[in-house]
Amino acid sequence: MALLRRPTGPSPTPQDISMKEENLCQAFSDALLCKIEDIDTEDWENPQLCSDYVKDIYQYLRQLEMLQSINPHFLDGRDINGRMRAILVDWLVQVHSKFRLLQETLYMCVAVMDRYLQVQPVSRKKLQLVGITALLLASKYEEMFSPNIEDFVYITDNAYTSSQIREMETLILKELKFELGRPLPLHFLRRASKAGENLKQQYYTGYTESEVLEVMRHMAKNVVRVNENMTKFTAVKNKYASSKLLKISTIPQLNSKAIQELASPLLGRS
């Protein structure tokens, strides 16, 4: 999800994107010509899985991901900082759970918020307004029945009016040119989970283990920080501690030696 740390470094150039697109195109178009199992071959009877087009769809999503990338330092020099954003996201996770919205809605909310913050300076007083409006927009996009705007006013303890939320909604839509559709972490997670085994997963995701290692380390660091009470941002852990979500955040593997070793370089531990 958007809570995951994005890779550091400069934004990709048009040449980088072009080369990446070409490589992705080659990888996905060769799916039936190599010895890698076609994980979509048995889905032809289910029109929702789009087995005839799914490889092209994911190729397009990867291209779109690069075109809509967020600069890892997009808050540098702004009135708001990463900690303020983290507080807001932690609160949005709680609001999302309270409203019982779809997982996709939360991911899109954070994506919309970050894309807007990247291009528009926002004062501290209006940061929560941007966040709650992004959740409203994401709800309209993903949910069959979106909460009413009055519900969003209430959840902010009347810090903002309906008119202010509508005004911010207009500003965000204009700035993003109404282009809300984008690939979400959940889309790629489902694809990678379907591939399953290491070789197939590498083939269908387009990433080697070494390429995802840095992100894995940051995820492990966040897990350790939460489990060792080194942070106040615990909304995600609390959410996934519920029986409805199989108490996945309480499994012993999250306190394993493997997690500790992954996180240790970023925690300054030997």
Protein backbone atom coordinates (compact mmCIF):
# COMPACT_ATOMS: atom_id res chain seq x y z
CA MET A 1 0.00 0.00 0.00
CA ALA A 2 0.93 3.59 0.04
CA LEU A 3 2.16 3.15 3.57
CA LEU A 4 5.12 1.24 2.20
CA ARG A 5 8.31 3.20 1.73
CA ARG A 6 8.89 4.14 -1.85
CA PRO A 7 12.32 3.55 -3.37
CA THR A 8 14.74 6.45 -3.08
CA GLY A 9 16.51 8.16 -5.95
CA PRO A 10 15.66 10.55 -8.77
CA SER A 11 12.41 10.30 -10.69
CA PRO A 12 12.64 8.19 -13.87
CA THR A 13 13.41 10.01 -17.11
CA PRO A 14 11.31 9.47 -20.26
CA GLN A 15 14.17 7.33 -21.62
CA ASP A 16 14.14 5.17 -18.48
CA ILE A 17 10.39 4.72 -18.75
CA SER A 18 10.64 3.82 -22.45
CA MET A 19 13.30 1.18 -21.81
CA LYS A 20 11.35 -0.22 -18.86
CA GLU A 21 8.18 -0.39 -20.94
CA GLU A 22 10.02 -2.26 -23.68
CA ASN A 23 11.41 -4.77 -21.21
CA LEU A 24 8.01 -5.27 -19.59
CA CYS A 25 6.36 -5.73 -22.96
CA GLN A 26 8.90 -8.39 -23.91
CA ALA A 27 8.52 -10.21 -20.60
CA PHE A 28 4.75 -10.40 -20.66
CA SER A 29 4.39 -11.19 -24.36
CA ASP A 30 6.78 -14.14 -23.97
CA ALA A 31 4.68 -15.77 -21.25
CA LEU A 32 3.54 -18.69 -23.40
CA LEU A 33 6.84 -19.14 -25.22
CA CYS A 34 9.01 -20.13 -22.25
CA LYS A 35 8.96 -22.86 -19.64
CA ILE A 36 7.27 -20.69 -17.01
CA GLU A 37 3.79 -21.96 -16.19
CA ASP A 38 0.95 -19.81 -17.53
CA ILE A 39 -0.94 -18.97 -14.33
CA ASP A 40 -3.93 -17.64 -16.28
CA THR A 41 -4.65 -20.59 -18.53
CA GLU A 42 -7.39 -22.06 -16.33
CA ASP A 43 -9.26 -18.78 -15.90
CA TRP A 44 -10.80 -18.61 -19.36
CA GLU A 45 -14.31 -19.41 -18.08
CA ASN A 46 -14.32 -16.47 -15.65
CA PRO A 47 -14.86 -13.20 -17.55
CA GLN A 48 -13.93 -11.15 -14.46
CA LEU A 49 -10.37 -12.48 -14.54
CA CYS A 50 -9.85 -11.37 -18.18
CA SER A 51 -7.42 -14.21 -18.89
CA ASP A 52 -7.02 -13.17 -22.55
CA TYR A 53 -5.90 -9.67 -21.60
CA VAL A 54 -4.52 -9.93 -18.06
CA LYS A 55 -0.85 -9.89 -19.09
CA ASP A 56 -1.39 -6.75 -21.18
CA ILE A 57 -3.36 -5.20 -18.33
CA TYR A 58 -0.52 -5.69 -15.88
CA GLN A 59 1.97 -4.41 -18.41
CA TYR A 60 -0.10 -1.24 -18.66
CA LEU A 61 -0.37 -0.96 -14.87
CA ARG A 62 3.40 -1.13 -14.53
CA GLN A 63 3.79 1.62 -17.12
CA LEU A 64 1.18 3.74 -15.35
CA GLU A 65 2.90 3.17 -12.01
CA MET A 66 6.08 4.70 -13.38
CA LEU A 67 4.30 7.64 -15.00
CA GLN A 68 2.46 8.45 -11.74
CA SER A 69 5.42 7.87 -9.44
CA ILE A 70 5.83 9.94 -6.29
CA ASN A 71 9.15 11.62 -5.58
CA PRO A 72 10.44 10.12 -2.29
CA HIS A 73 11.40 13.61 -1.10
CA PHE A 74 8.22 15.35 -2.21
CA LEU A 75 7.68 16.98 1.18
CA ASP A 76 11.14 18.54 1.41
CA GLY A 77 10.93 22.28 1.97
CA ARG A 78 7.17 22.17 2.55
CA ASP A 79 5.15 23.45 5.50
CA ILE A 80 4.26 19.86 6.34
CA ASN A 81 6.67 16.97 6.86
CA GLY A 82 6.80 13.20 6.83
CA ARG A 83 5.77 12.85 10.46
CA MET A 84 2.64 14.94 9.90
CA ARG A 85 1.79 12.79 6.91
CA ALA A 86 2.34 9.64 8.99
CA ILE A 87 -0.02 10.91 11.70
CA LEU A 88 -2.65 11.64 9.04
CA VAL A 89 -2.31 8.24 7.37
CA ASP A 90 -2.53 6.50 10.76
CA TRP A 91 -5.79 8.36 11.41
CA LEU A 92 -7.14 7.63 7.91
CA VAL A 93 -6.57 3.90 8.51
CA GLN A 94 -8.78 4.17 11.59
CA VAL A 95 -11.47 6.13 9.74
CA HIS A 96 -11.37 3.62 6.88
CA SER A 97 -11.94 0.77 9.35
CA LYS A 98 -14.74 2.64 11.12
CA PHE A 99 -16.56 3.19 7.82
CA ARG A 100 -15.88 -0.45 6.80
CA LEU A 101 -14.67 0.51 3.36
CA LEU A 102 -12.92 -1.66 0.77
CA GLN A 103 -9.17 -2.16 0.95
CA GLU A 104 -8.79 -0.54 -2.45
CA THR A 105 -10.40 2.62 -1.08
CA LEU A 106 -7.67 3.13 1.51
CA TYR A 107 -4.86 2.58 -0.98
CA MET A 108 -6.43 4.96 -3.47
CA CYS A 109 -7.04 7.54 -0.76
CA VAL A 110 -3.35 7.70 0.18
CA ALA A 111 -2.32 7.71 -3.48
CA VAL A 112 -4.65 10.62 -4.31
CA MET A 113 -3.46 12.51 -1.25
CA ASP A 114 0.23 12.07 -2.08
CA ARG A 115 -0.21 12.96 -5.73
CA TYR A 116 -1.92 16.19 -4.73
CA LEU A 117 0.59 17.05 -1.99
CA GLN A 118 3.43 16.50 -4.44
CA VAL A 119 2.24 19.27 -6.76
CA GLN A 120 0.41 21.64 -4.42
CA PRO A 121 1.82 23.20 -1.25
CA VAL A 122 -0.67 22.67 1.59
CA SER A 123 -0.73 24.42 4.95
CA ARG A 124 -0.78 22.42 8.17
CA LYS A 125 -4.32 23.60 8.88
CA LYS A 126 -5.55 22.07 5.63
CA LEU A 127 -3.61 18.79 5.68
CA GLN A 128 -6.42 16.84 7.33
CA LEU A 129 -8.87 18.42 4.89
CA VAL A 130 -6.82 17.06 1.98
CA GLY A 131 -6.73 13.61 3.61
CA ILE A 132 -10.44 13.33 4.34
CA THR A 133 -11.33 14.68 0.89
CA ALA A 134 -9.03 12.10 -0.71
CA LEU A 135 -10.90 9.41 1.24
CA LEU A 136 -14.21 10.80 -0.03
CA LEU A 137 -12.96 10.74 -3.63
CA ALA A 138 -11.60 7.22 -3.26
CA SER A 139 -14.93 6.09 -1.77
CA LYS A 140 -16.83 7.49 -4.74
CA TYR A 141 -14.44 5.71 -7.11
CA GLU A 142 -14.27 2.29 -5.42
CA GLU A 143 -17.39 1.81 -3.27
CA MET A 144 -20.87 0.86 -4.39
CA PHE A 145 -22.26 3.05 -1.61
CA SER A 146 -20.00 5.88 -0.52
CA PRO A 147 -20.49 7.50 2.90
CA ASN A 148 -22.27 10.85 2.83
CA ILE A 149 -20.22 14.01 2.95
CA GLU A 150 -21.80 14.75 6.36
CA ASP A 151 -20.16 11.58 7.68
CA PHE A 152 -16.78 12.96 6.72
CA VAL A 153 -17.60 16.27 8.42
CA TYR A 154 -18.59 14.40 11.57
CA ILE A 155 -15.47 12.22 11.63
CA THR A 156 -13.28 15.36 11.64
CA ASP A 157 -15.21 16.62 14.68
CA ASN A 158 -16.61 19.43 12.52
CA ALA A 159 -13.13 20.82 11.86
CA TYR A 160 -14.29 21.43 8.27
CA THR A 161 -17.64 22.16 6.68
CA SER A 162 -19.30 20.34 3.80
CA SER A 163 -18.57 23.34 1.60
CA GLN A 164 -14.86 23.22 2.42
CA ILE A 165 -14.70 19.52 1.58
CA ARG A 166 -16.52 20.09 -1.72
CA GLU A 167 -14.17 22.95 -2.57
CA MET A 168 -11.12 20.78 -1.84
CA GLU A 169 -12.65 17.97 -3.86
CA THR A 170 -12.83 20.29 -6.86
CA LEU A 171 -9.24 21.45 -6.38
CA ILE A 172 -7.90 17.89 -6.19
CA LEU A 173 -9.84 16.70 -9.23
CA LYS A 174 -8.67 19.65 -11.31
CA GLU A 175 -5.05 19.23 -10.24
CA LEU A 176 -5.08 15.51 -11.03
CA LYS A 177 -7.04 16.16 -14.23
CA PHE A 178 -9.68 13.69 -13.03
CA GLU A 179 -7.16 10.87 -13.56
CA LEU A 180 -7.92 8.88 -10.42
CA GLY A 181 -7.44 5.41 -11.89
CA ARG A 182 -3.99 4.08 -11.03
CA PRO A 183 -2.32 0.80 -10.07
CA LEU A 184 -2.50 0.03 -6.37
CA PRO A 185 -0.18 -2.15 -4.26
CA LEU A 186 -3.08 -4.53 -3.77
CA HIS A 187 -3.30 -5.20 -7.52
CA PHE A 188 0.32 -6.30 -7.68
CA LEU A 189 0.09 -8.22 -4.41
CA ARG A 190 -2.74 -10.34 -5.78
CA ARG A 191 -0.80 -11.04 -8.95
CA ALA A 192 2.37 -11.99 -7.06
CA SER A 193 0.40 -14.18 -4.67
CA LYS A 194 -1.20 -15.99 -7.58
CA ALA A 195 2.21 -16.71 -9.09
CA GLY A 196 3.36 -18.08 -5.75
CA GLU A 197 6.66 -19.91 -6.32
CA ASN A 198 9.95 -17.98 -6.54
CA LEU A 199 10.69 -18.45 -10.25
CA LYS A 200 7.11 -17.76 -11.35
CA GLN A 201 6.85 -14.82 -8.99
CA GLN A 202 10.01 -13.27 -10.40
CA TYR A 203 8.74 -13.78 -13.93
CA TYR A 204 5.26 -12.34 -13.43
CA THR A 205 6.26 -9.44 -11.17
CA GLY A 206 9.36 -8.52 -13.15
CA TYR A 207 11.43 -8.16 -9.97
CA THR A 208 14.32 -10.24 -8.66
CA GLU A 209 14.85 -10.82 -4.96
CA SER A 210 17.75 -8.38 -4.89
CA GLU A 211 15.55 -5.66 -6.40
CA VAL A 212 12.95 -5.90 -3.63
CA LEU A 213 15.41 -6.40 -0.77
CA GLU A 214 15.62 -2.72 0.16
CA VAL A 215 11.84 -2.41 0.38
CA MET A 216 11.72 -5.62 2.43
CA ARG A 217 14.20 -4.11 4.87
CA HIS A 218 12.08 -1.01 5.35
CA MET A 219 8.96 -3.12 5.89
CA ALA A 220 10.81 -5.27 8.42
CA LYS A 221 12.06 -2.12 10.17
CA ASN A 222 8.49 -0.84 10.51
CA VAL A 223 7.32 -4.20 11.87
CA VAL A 224 10.09 -4.22 14.49
CA ARG A 225 9.41 -0.61 15.47
CA VAL A 226 5.73 -1.37 16.05
CA ASN A 227 6.33 -4.64 17.90
CA GLU A 228 8.94 -3.03 20.17
CA ASN A 229 6.76 0.03 20.90
CA MET A 230 9.19 2.36 19.15
CA THR A 231 6.40 4.23 17.35
CA LYS A 232 2.93 5.54 18.09
CA PHE A 233 1.66 4.71 14.61
CA THR A 234 -0.08 1.41 15.39
CA ALA A 235 -3.35 1.71 13.45
CA VAL A 236 -2.30 -0.86 10.82
CA LYS A 237 -1.23 -3.41 13.44
CA ASN A 238 -4.42 -2.89 15.42
CA LYS A 239 -6.49 -3.26 12.27
CA TYR A 240 -4.89 -6.56 11.33
CA ALA A 241 -5.09 -7.87 14.89
CA SER A 242 -8.84 -8.39 14.49
CA SER A 243 -10.27 -11.88 14.06
CA LYS A 244 -11.97 -10.70 10.87
CA LEU A 245 -8.51 -10.26 9.33
CA LEU A 246 -7.23 -13.52 10.85
CA LYS A 247 -5.12 -11.66 13.44
CA ILE A 248 -2.34 -11.58 10.88
CA SER A 249 -0.40 -8.85 12.70
CA THR A 250 -0.02 -11.06 15.78
CA ILE A 251 1.60 -14.10 14.13
CA PRO A 252 4.94 -15.14 15.69
CA GLN A 253 6.73 -14.93 12.33
CA LEU A 254 6.65 -11.13 12.65
CA ASN A 255 8.94 -11.43 15.66
CA SER A 256 11.21 -13.96 13.99
CA LYS A 257 14.98 -13.82 13.63
CA ALA A 258 14.58 -13.33 9.86
CA ILE A 259 12.60 -10.11 10.39
CA GLN A 260 15.11 -8.88 12.95
CA GLU A 261 18.04 -9.54 10.60
CA LEU A 262 16.33 -7.77 7.70
CA ALA A 263 15.61 -4.71 9.82
CA SER A 264 18.92 -4.51 11.69
CA PRO A 265 20.88 -2.44 9.08
CA LEU A 266 18.22 0.28 9.16
CA LEU A 267 17.92 0.22 12.95
CA GLY A 268 21.64 0.60 13.48
CA ARG A 269 21.99 -2.87 14.94
CA SER A 270 24.81 -5.27 14.16
